[in-house]
Each structure stands twice: as structure tokens, then as C-alpha cells.
């Protein structure tokens, strides 16, 4: 898989969009991967549900955890 520094990606973004292959392009910052560019037709459907059974939700995810009273 190809890698490119973020600064170089910024310079060449439009041409890289035309050249990206199915494997994608990893964008790095200070040598560490921060993003991956993949073509829209790439097989990313496997990501959906890939964390099923691996993530545990504690408490109410829709709550801030701070009690409040809406009455004046």
C-alpha cells in the first residue's frame, strides 16, 4: 500500500484522486498514518458491523450523565 506525507498530499491532491487504486493511499503526518484515501467503488462494505461483539456500551449513550430539571 502506498503512503504519502500530508504536505505532499495537499500539493498533489487532485492528481492523486485520479490515480488512487483499489488498495488506496495512506496519508501520514510525521510518519504516522492518519487517514486512508480509497476510491468510492472500493470494498469498504466489510467495515460496516466489523466491531459487532467487540465493543461494549456502558450506560445510556444518549445521556450526558448530568441530571437536570426542565421545570422552572
PDB file of N, CA and C in Angstrom:
ATOM      1  N   UNK A   1       0.845  -1.172   0.000  1.00  0.00           N
ATOM      2  CA  UNK A   1       0.000   0.000   0.000  1.00  0.00           C
ATOM      3  C   UNK A   1       0.895   1.240   0.000  1.00  0.00           C
ATOM      4  N   UNK A   2       0.542   2.189  -0.812  1.00  0.00           N
ATOM      5  CA  UNK A   2       1.330   3.408  -0.918  1.00  0.00           C
ATOM      6  C   UNK A   2       1.059   4.334   0.263  1.00  0.00           C
ATOM      7  N   UNK A   3       2.091   5.086   0.644  1.00  0.00           N
ATOM      8  CA  UNK A   3       1.955   6.086   1.701  1.00  0.00           C
ATOM      9  C   UNK A   3       2.450   7.422   1.171  1.00  0.00           C
ATOM     10  N   UNK A   4       1.889   8.501   1.695  1.00  0.00           N
ATOM     11  CA  UNK A   4       2.298   9.838   1.292  1.00  0.00           C
ATOM     12  C   UNK A   4       2.158  10.780   2.489  1.00  0.00           C
ATOM     13  N   UNK A   5       3.103  11.694   2.623  1.00  0.00           N
ATOM     14  CA  UNK A   5       3.038  12.679   3.703  1.00  0.00           C
ATOM     15  C   UNK A   5       1.895  13.648   3.426  1.00  0.00           C
ATOM     16  N   UNK A   6       1.273  14.146   4.483  1.00  0.00           N
ATOM     17  CA  UNK A   6       0.123  15.043   4.357  1.00  0.00           C
ATOM     18  C   UNK A   6       0.458  16.284   3.532  1.00  0.00           C
ATOM     19  N   UNK A   7       1.636  16.860   3.728  1.00  0.00           N
ATOM     20  CA  UNK A   7       2.020  18.064   2.978  1.00  0.00           C
ATOM     21  C   UNK A   7       2.104  17.769   1.481  1.00  0.00           C
ATOM     22  N   UNK A   8       2.684  16.622   1.145  1.00  0.00           N
ATOM     23  CA  UNK A   8       2.791  16.245  -0.266  1.00  0.00           C
ATOM     24  C   UNK A   8       1.408  15.925  -0.842  1.00  0.00           C
ATOM     25  N   UNK A   9       0.555  15.289  -0.025  1.00  0.00           N
ATOM     26  CA  UNK A   9      -0.810  15.008  -0.460  1.00  0.00           C
ATOM     27  C   UNK A   9      -1.539  16.308  -0.773  1.00  0.00           C
ATOM     28  N   UNK A  10      -1.363  17.301   0.088  1.00  0.00           N
ATOM     29  CA  UNK A  10      -2.009  18.598  -0.111  1.00  0.00           C
ATOM     30  C   UNK A  10      -1.581  19.216  -1.446  1.00  0.00           C
ATOM     31  N   UNK A  11      -0.304  19.123  -1.760  1.00  0.00           N
ATOM     32  CA  UNK A  11       0.232  19.654  -3.025  1.00  0.00           C
ATOM     33  C   UNK A  11      -0.353  18.951  -4.239  1.00  0.00           C
ATOM     34  N   UNK A  12      -0.498  17.637  -4.136  1.00  0.00           N
ATOM     35  CA  UNK A  12      -0.834  16.810  -5.300  1.00  0.00           C
ATOM     36  C   UNK A  12      -2.231  16.204  -5.251  1.00  0.00           C
ATOM     37  N   UNK A  13      -3.074  16.718  -4.398  1.00  0.00           N
ATOM     38  CA  UNK A  13      -4.380  16.123  -4.129  1.00  0.00           C
ATOM     39  C   UNK A  13      -5.174  15.781  -5.397  1.00  0.00           C
ATOM     40  N   UNK A  14      -5.362  16.736  -6.278  1.00  0.00           N
ATOM     41  CA  UNK A  14      -6.209  16.497  -7.453  1.00  0.00           C
ATOM     42  C   UNK A  14      -5.654  15.400  -8.350  1.00  0.00           C
ATOM     43  N   UNK A  15      -4.353  15.382  -8.568  1.00  0.00           N
ATOM     44  CA  UNK A  15      -3.794  14.327  -9.420  1.00  0.00           C
ATOM     45  C   UNK A  15      -3.845  12.973  -8.712  1.00  0.00           C
ATOM     46  N   UNK A  16      -3.663  12.958  -7.390  1.00  0.00           N
ATOM     47  CA  UNK A  16      -3.736  11.705  -6.646  1.00  0.00           C
ATOM     48  C   UNK A  16      -5.148  11.121  -6.679  1.00  0.00           C
ATOM     49  N   UNK A  17      -6.159  11.979  -6.662  1.00  0.00           N
ATOM     50  CA  UNK A  17      -7.537  11.499  -6.753  1.00  0.00           C
ATOM     51  C   UNK A  17      -7.774  10.744  -8.054  1.00  0.00           C
ATOM     52  N   UNK A  18      -7.130  11.168  -9.116  1.00  0.00           N
ATOM     53  CA  UNK A  18      -7.270  10.495 -10.409  1.00  0.00           C
ATOM     54  C   UNK A  18      -6.512   9.174 -10.454  1.00  0.00           C
ATOM     55  N   UNK A  19      -5.479   9.033  -9.620  1.00  0.00           N
ATOM     56  CA  UNK A  19      -4.592   7.876  -9.693  1.00  0.00           C
ATOM     57  C   UNK A  19      -4.823   6.819  -8.621  1.00  0.00           C
ATOM     58  N   UNK A  20      -5.646   7.114  -7.609  1.00  0.00           N
ATOM     59  CA  UNK A  20      -5.784   6.175  -6.493  1.00  0.00           C
ATOM     60  C   UNK A  20      -6.330   4.837  -6.981  1.00  0.00           C
ATOM     61  N   UNK A  21      -5.686   3.747  -6.516  1.00  0.00           N
ATOM     62  CA  UNK A  21      -6.127   2.409  -6.930  1.00  0.00           C
ATOM     63  C   UNK A  21      -6.957   1.759  -5.825  1.00  0.00           C
ATOM     64  N   UNK A  22      -7.380   0.536  -6.028  1.00  0.00           N
ATOM     65  CA  UNK A  22      -8.262  -0.164  -5.092  1.00  0.00           C
ATOM     66  C   UNK A  22      -7.632  -0.361  -3.717  1.00  0.00           C
ATOM     67  N   UNK A  23      -6.306  -0.402  -3.643  1.00  0.00           N
ATOM     68  CA  UNK A  23      -5.634  -0.559  -2.347  1.00  0.00           C
ATOM     69  C   UNK A  23      -5.664   0.719  -1.535  1.00  0.00           C
ATOM     70  N   UNK A  24      -5.862   1.839  -2.205  1.00  0.00           N
ATOM     71  CA  UNK A  24      -5.933   3.116  -1.514  1.00  0.00           C
ATOM     72  C   UNK A  24      -4.573   3.741  -1.283  1.00  0.00           C
ATOM     73  N   UNK A  25      -4.590   4.815  -0.540  1.00  0.00           N
ATOM     74  CA  UNK A  25      -3.400   5.603  -0.267  1.00  0.00           C
ATOM     75  C   UNK A  25      -3.448   6.034   1.194  1.00  0.00           C
ATOM     76  N   UNK A  26      -2.416   5.688   1.956  1.00  0.00           N
ATOM     77  CA  UNK A  26      -2.352   6.061   3.365  1.00  0.00           C
ATOM     78  C   UNK A  26      -1.664   7.415   3.469  1.00  0.00           C
ATOM     79  N   UNK A  27      -2.312   8.352   4.153  1.00  0.00           N
ATOM     80  CA  UNK A  27      -1.770   9.692   4.335  1.00  0.00           C
ATOM     81  C   UNK A  27      -1.175   9.758   5.730  1.00  0.00           C
ATOM     82  N   UNK A  28       0.081  10.205   5.806  1.00  0.00           N
ATOM     83  CA  UNK A  28       0.784  10.232   7.076  1.00  0.00           C
ATOM     84  C   UNK A  28       1.096  11.654   7.529  1.00  0.00           C
ATOM     85  N   UNK A  29       1.248  11.799   8.814  1.00  0.00           N
ATOM     86  CA  UNK A  29       1.667  13.059   9.409  1.00  0.00           C
ATOM     87  C   UNK A  29       2.785  12.723  10.387  1.00  0.00           C
ATOM     88  N   UNK A  30       3.951  13.294  10.154  1.00  0.00           N
ATOM     89  CA  UNK A  30       5.138  12.988  10.956  1.00  0.00           C
ATOM     90  C   UNK A  30       5.417  11.487  10.982  1.00  0.00           C
ATOM     91  N   UNK A  31       5.168  10.830   9.848  1.00  0.00           N
ATOM     92  CA  UNK A  31       5.450   9.407   9.712  1.00  0.00           C
ATOM     93  C   UNK A  31       4.387   8.472  10.261  1.00  0.00           C
ATOM     94  N   UNK A  32       3.342   9.016  10.885  1.00  0.00           N
ATOM     95  CA  UNK A  32       2.282   8.168  11.448  1.00  0.00           C
ATOM     96  C   UNK A  32       1.033   8.242  10.571  1.00  0.00           C
ATOM     97  N   UNK A  33       0.420   7.101  10.249  1.00  0.00           N
ATOM     98  CA  UNK A  33      -0.801   7.094   9.434  1.00  0.00           C
ATOM     99  C   UNK A  33      -1.933   7.843  10.132  1.00  0.00           C
ATOM    100  N   UNK A  34      -2.608   8.741   9.384  1.00  0.00           N
ATOM    101  CA  UNK A  34      -3.729   9.495   9.950  1.00  0.00           C
ATOM    102  C   UNK A  34      -5.015   9.333   9.146  1.00  0.00           C
ATOM    103  N   UNK A  35      -4.889   8.930   7.879  1.00  0.00           N
ATOM    104  CA  UNK A  35      -6.080   8.784   7.044  1.00  0.00           C
ATOM    105  C   UNK A  35      -5.772   7.829   5.895  1.00  0.00           C
ATOM    106  N   UNK A  36      -6.842   7.311   5.292  1.00  0.00           N
ATOM    107  CA  UNK A  36      -6.681   6.452   4.126  1.00  0.00           C
ATOM    108  C   UNK A  36      -7.656   6.914   3.058  1.00  0.00           C
ATOM    109  N   UNK A  37      -7.145   7.145   1.882  1.00  0.00           N
ATOM    110  CA  UNK A  37      -7.959   7.537   0.738  1.00  0.00           C
ATOM    111  C   UNK A  37      -8.226   6.284  -0.094  1.00  0.00           C
ATOM    112  N   UNK A  38      -9.498   5.973  -0.294  1.00  0.00           N
ATOM    113  CA  UNK A  38      -9.859   4.822  -1.120  1.00  0.00           C
ATOM    114  C   UNK A  38     -10.883   5.276  -2.152  1.00  0.00           C
ATOM    115  N   UNK A  39     -10.889   4.649  -3.314  1.00  0.00           N
ATOM    116  CA  UNK A  39     -11.893   5.013  -4.316  1.00  0.00           C
ATOM    117  C   UNK A  39     -13.290   4.632  -3.828  1.00  0.00           C
ATOM    118  N   UNK A  40     -14.269   5.350  -4.280  1.00  0.00           N
ATOM    119  CA  UNK A  40     -15.647   5.137  -3.824  1.00  0.00           C
ATOM    120  C   UNK A  40     -16.130   3.719  -4.124  1.00  0.00           C
ATOM    121  N   UNK A  41     -15.632   3.105  -5.148  1.00  0.00           N
ATOM    122  CA  UNK A  41     -16.053   1.753  -5.503  1.00  0.00           C
ATOM    123  C   UNK A  41     -15.301   0.671  -4.754  1.00  0.00           C
ATOM    124  N   UNK A  42     -14.352   1.042  -3.897  1.00  0.00           N
ATOM    125  CA  UNK A  42     -13.564   0.040  -3.178  1.00  0.00           C
ATOM    126  C   UNK A  42     -14.460  -0.723  -2.200  1.00  0.00           C
ATOM    127  N   UNK A  43     -14.041  -1.919  -1.883  1.00  0.00           N
ATOM    128  CA  UNK A  43     -14.830  -2.765  -0.997  1.00  0.00           C
ATOM    129  C   UNK A  43     -14.680  -2.318   0.446  1.00  0.00           C
ATOM    130  N   UNK A  44     -15.454  -1.325   0.837  1.00  0.00           N
ATOM    131  CA  UNK A  44     -15.426  -0.855   2.216  1.00  0.00           C
ATOM    132  C   UNK A  44     -16.647  -1.359   2.976  1.00  0.00           C
ATOM    133  N   UNK A  45     -17.492  -2.114   2.306  1.00  0.00           N
ATOM    134  CA  UNK A  45     -18.701  -2.624   2.954  1.00  0.00           C
ATOM    135  C   UNK A  45     -18.348  -3.534   4.122  1.00  0.00           C
ATOM    136  N   UNK A  46     -17.169  -4.139   4.094  1.00  0.00           N
ATOM    137  CA  UNK A  46     -16.743  -5.017   5.171  1.00  0.00           C
ATOM    138  C   UNK A  46     -16.533  -4.282   6.487  1.00  0.00           C
ATOM    139  N   UNK A  47     -16.397  -2.973   6.425  1.00  0.00           N
ATOM    140  CA  UNK A  47     -16.214  -2.194   7.647  1.00  0.00           C
ATOM    141  C   UNK A  47     -17.505  -2.086   8.446  1.00  0.00           C
ATOM    142  N   UNK A  48     -18.635  -2.133   7.755  1.00  0.00           N
ATOM    143  CA  UNK A  48     -19.926  -1.999   8.418  1.00  0.00           C
ATOM    144  C   UNK A  48     -20.164  -3.231   9.293  1.00  0.00           C
ATOM    145  N   UNK A  49     -20.337  -2.984  10.558  1.00  0.00           N
ATOM    146  CA  UNK A  49     -20.574  -4.068  11.505  1.00  0.00           C
ATOM    147  C   UNK A  49     -19.329  -4.818  11.919  1.00  0.00           C
ATOM    148  N   UNK A  50     -18.155  -4.358  11.511  1.00  0.00           N
ATOM    149  CA  UNK A  50     -16.928  -5.101  11.813  1.00  0.00           C
ATOM    150  C   UNK A  50     -16.579  -5.096  13.301  1.00  0.00           C
ATOM    151  N   UNK A  51     -17.153  -4.186  14.075  1.00  0.00           N
ATOM    152  CA  UNK A  51     -16.893  -4.154  15.512  1.00  0.00           C
ATOM    153  C   UNK A  51     -17.985  -4.833  16.334  1.00  0.00           C
ATOM    154  N   UNK A  52     -18.938  -5.458  15.651  1.00  0.00           N
ATOM    155  CA  UNK A  52     -20.021  -6.144  16.355  1.00  0.00           C
ATOM    156  C   UNK A  52     -19.440  -7.201  17.297  1.00  0.00           C
ATOM    157  N   UNK A  53     -19.873  -7.160  18.538  1.00  0.00           N
ATOM    158  CA  UNK A  53     -19.392  -8.116  19.528  1.00  0.00           C
ATOM    159  C   UNK A  53     -18.046  -7.756  20.130  1.00  0.00           C
ATOM    160  N   UNK A  54     -17.412  -6.698  19.644  1.00  0.00           N
ATOM    161  CA  UNK A  54     -16.096  -6.293  20.149  1.00  0.00           C
ATOM    162  C   UNK A  54     -16.169  -5.024  20.990  1.00  0.00           C
ATOM    163  N   UNK A  55     -17.273  -4.295  20.896  1.00  0.00           N
ATOM    164  CA  UNK A  55     -17.431  -3.041  21.614  1.00  0.00           C
ATOM    165  C   UNK A  55     -18.514  -3.217  22.665  1.00  0.00           C
ATOM    166  N   UNK A  56     -18.241  -2.741  23.863  1.00  0.00           N
ATOM    167  CA  UNK A  56     -19.212  -2.843  24.949  1.00  0.00           C
ATOM    168  C   UNK A  56     -19.693  -1.439  25.287  1.00  0.00           C
ATOM    169  N   UNK A  57     -21.002  -1.234  25.278  1.00  0.00           N
ATOM    170  CA  UNK A  57     -21.587   0.073  25.596  1.00  0.00           C
ATOM    171  C   UNK A  57     -21.995   0.068  27.057  1.00  0.00           C
ATOM    172  N   UNK A  58     -21.491   1.056  27.781  1.00  0.00           N
ATOM    173  CA  UNK A  58     -21.828   1.189  29.204  1.00  0.00           C
ATOM    174  C   UNK A  58     -22.805   2.339  29.362  1.00  0.00           C
ATOM    175  N   UNK A  59     -23.818   2.132  30.144  1.00  0.00           N
ATOM    176  CA  UNK A  59     -24.809   3.159  30.462  1.00  0.00           C
ATOM    177  C   UNK A  59     -25.577   3.614  29.226  1.00  0.00           C
ATOM    178  N   UNK A  60     -26.221   4.756  29.333  1.00  0.00           N
ATOM    179  CA  UNK A  60     -27.057   5.315  28.265  1.00  0.00           C
ATOM    180  C   UNK A  60     -26.204   6.201  27.369  1.00  0.00           C
ATOM    181  N   UNK A  61     -25.989   5.804  26.130  1.00  0.00           N
ATOM    182  CA  UNK A  61     -25.125   6.581  25.236  1.00  0.00           C
ATOM    183  C   UNK A  61     -25.780   7.878  24.775  1.00  0.00           C
ATOM    184  N   UNK A  62     -27.081   8.042  25.022  1.00  0.00           N
ATOM    185  CA  UNK A  62     -27.766   9.263  24.621  1.00  0.00           C
ATOM    186  C   UNK A  62     -27.832  10.284  25.758  1.00  0.00           C
ATOM    187  N   UNK A  63     -27.288   9.936  26.899  1.00  0.00           N
ATOM    188  CA  UNK A  63     -27.337  10.820  28.062  1.00  0.00           C
ATOM    189  C   UNK A  63     -25.992  11.506  28.274  1.00  0.00           C
ATOM    190  N   UNK A  64     -26.036  12.716  28.821  1.00  0.00           N
ATOM    191  CA  UNK A  64     -24.802  13.422  29.180  1.00  0.00           C
ATOM    192  C   UNK A  64     -24.302  12.966  30.539  1.00  0.00           C
ATOM    193  N   UNK A  65     -25.176  12.293  31.282  1.00  0.00           N
ATOM    194  CA  UNK A  65     -24.815  11.853  32.607  1.00  0.00           C
ATOM    195  C   UNK A  65     -25.032  12.921  33.670  1.00  0.00           C
ATOM    196  N   UNK A  66     -25.481  14.097  33.240  1.00  0.00           N
ATOM    197  CA  UNK A  66     -25.717  15.207  34.165  1.00  0.00           C
ATOM    198  C   UNK A  66     -27.222  15.323  34.399  1.00  0.00           C
ATOM    199  N   UNK A  67     -27.680  15.163  35.654  1.00  0.00           N
ATOM    200  CA  UNK A  67     -29.113  15.310  35.922  1.00  0.00           C
ATOM    201  C   UNK A  67     -29.541  16.768  35.759  1.00  0.00           C
ATOM    202  N   UNK A  68     -30.729  16.979  35.240  1.00  0.00           N
ATOM    203  CA  UNK A  68     -31.248  18.342  35.103  1.00  0.00           C
ATOM    204  C   UNK A  68     -32.757  18.331  35.223  1.00  0.00           C
ATOM    205  N   UNK A  69     -33.310  19.476  35.534  1.00  0.00           N
ATOM    206  CA  UNK A  69     -34.742  19.608  35.712  1.00  0.00           C
ATOM    207  C   UNK A  69     -35.240  20.682  34.732  1.00  0.00           C
ATOM    208  N   UNK A  70     -36.142  20.310  33.861  1.00  0.00           N
ATOM    209  CA  UNK A  70     -36.651  21.242  32.846  1.00  0.00           C
ATOM    210  C   UNK A  70     -37.743  22.148  33.398  1.00  0.00           C
ATOM    211  N   UNK A  71     -38.184  21.885  34.610  1.00  0.00           N
ATOM    212  CA  UNK A  71     -39.225  22.715  35.212  1.00  0.00           C
ATOM    213  C   UNK A  71     -38.613  24.010  35.778  1.00  0.00           C
ATOM    214  N   UNK A  72     -39.293  25.153  35.558  1.00  0.00           N
ATOM    215  CA  UNK A  72     -38.753  26.421  36.110  1.00  0.00           C
ATOM    216  C   UNK A  72     -38.817  26.486  37.613  1.00  0.00           C
TER     217      UNK A  72
END
